[in-house]
């Protein structure tokens, strides 16, 4: 019996092994960059960044804390972001004096992360950087500094490894491209 996600899967963009290898590489680079840091804080943007954060922390060898923030700028089933960003859940700890690394699943237009970075910078961290698993540069409308990128991807609607398809299939262990015809047929 096929898995429920298979009817929406057009192709596998990034397989599981390639994902795990790249996350390990990012963890090693981040560990090296923050080797002298005693106050590293990873901020995961929920919900899509959770799997990436969880795997990434296993490869970061310097002591660090984690916290979570939920931000909304997408409508259900939408492919495009809005310029109206809102904080659904804010952080539980102070950023003052800490080296902060935002961990995000995907960046496309840039509006959401531009908003988040400006807001977090006002909280006086020692430094503020951004790490994204997927970067969709072709859709960028607001330029933001991205310090760590897992993969540059084409403008395709993707799901898996934390990224959802209408809140489902985050558990798929690879990044898949959505078959838009199949999705439209089910709407």
Foldseek 3Di string as FASTA:
>chain_A
DDDPCVLFFPFFPWDLVLLLVLLLVLLVVVLVVCVVFDFEEEEEEPDQQVLSVVSNVVNNPHDYHYWYWYKDFDDQQDLDGDLDMDTPGDTDDQQAAHAYEYEYAEDAQCNHVVVVVVVNVVSHHPHYAYAYAEYADVRHNDDDHHDHYSDYDHSFDWEECRRDRSNPRPPHSGIGGTPVVSVVVVD
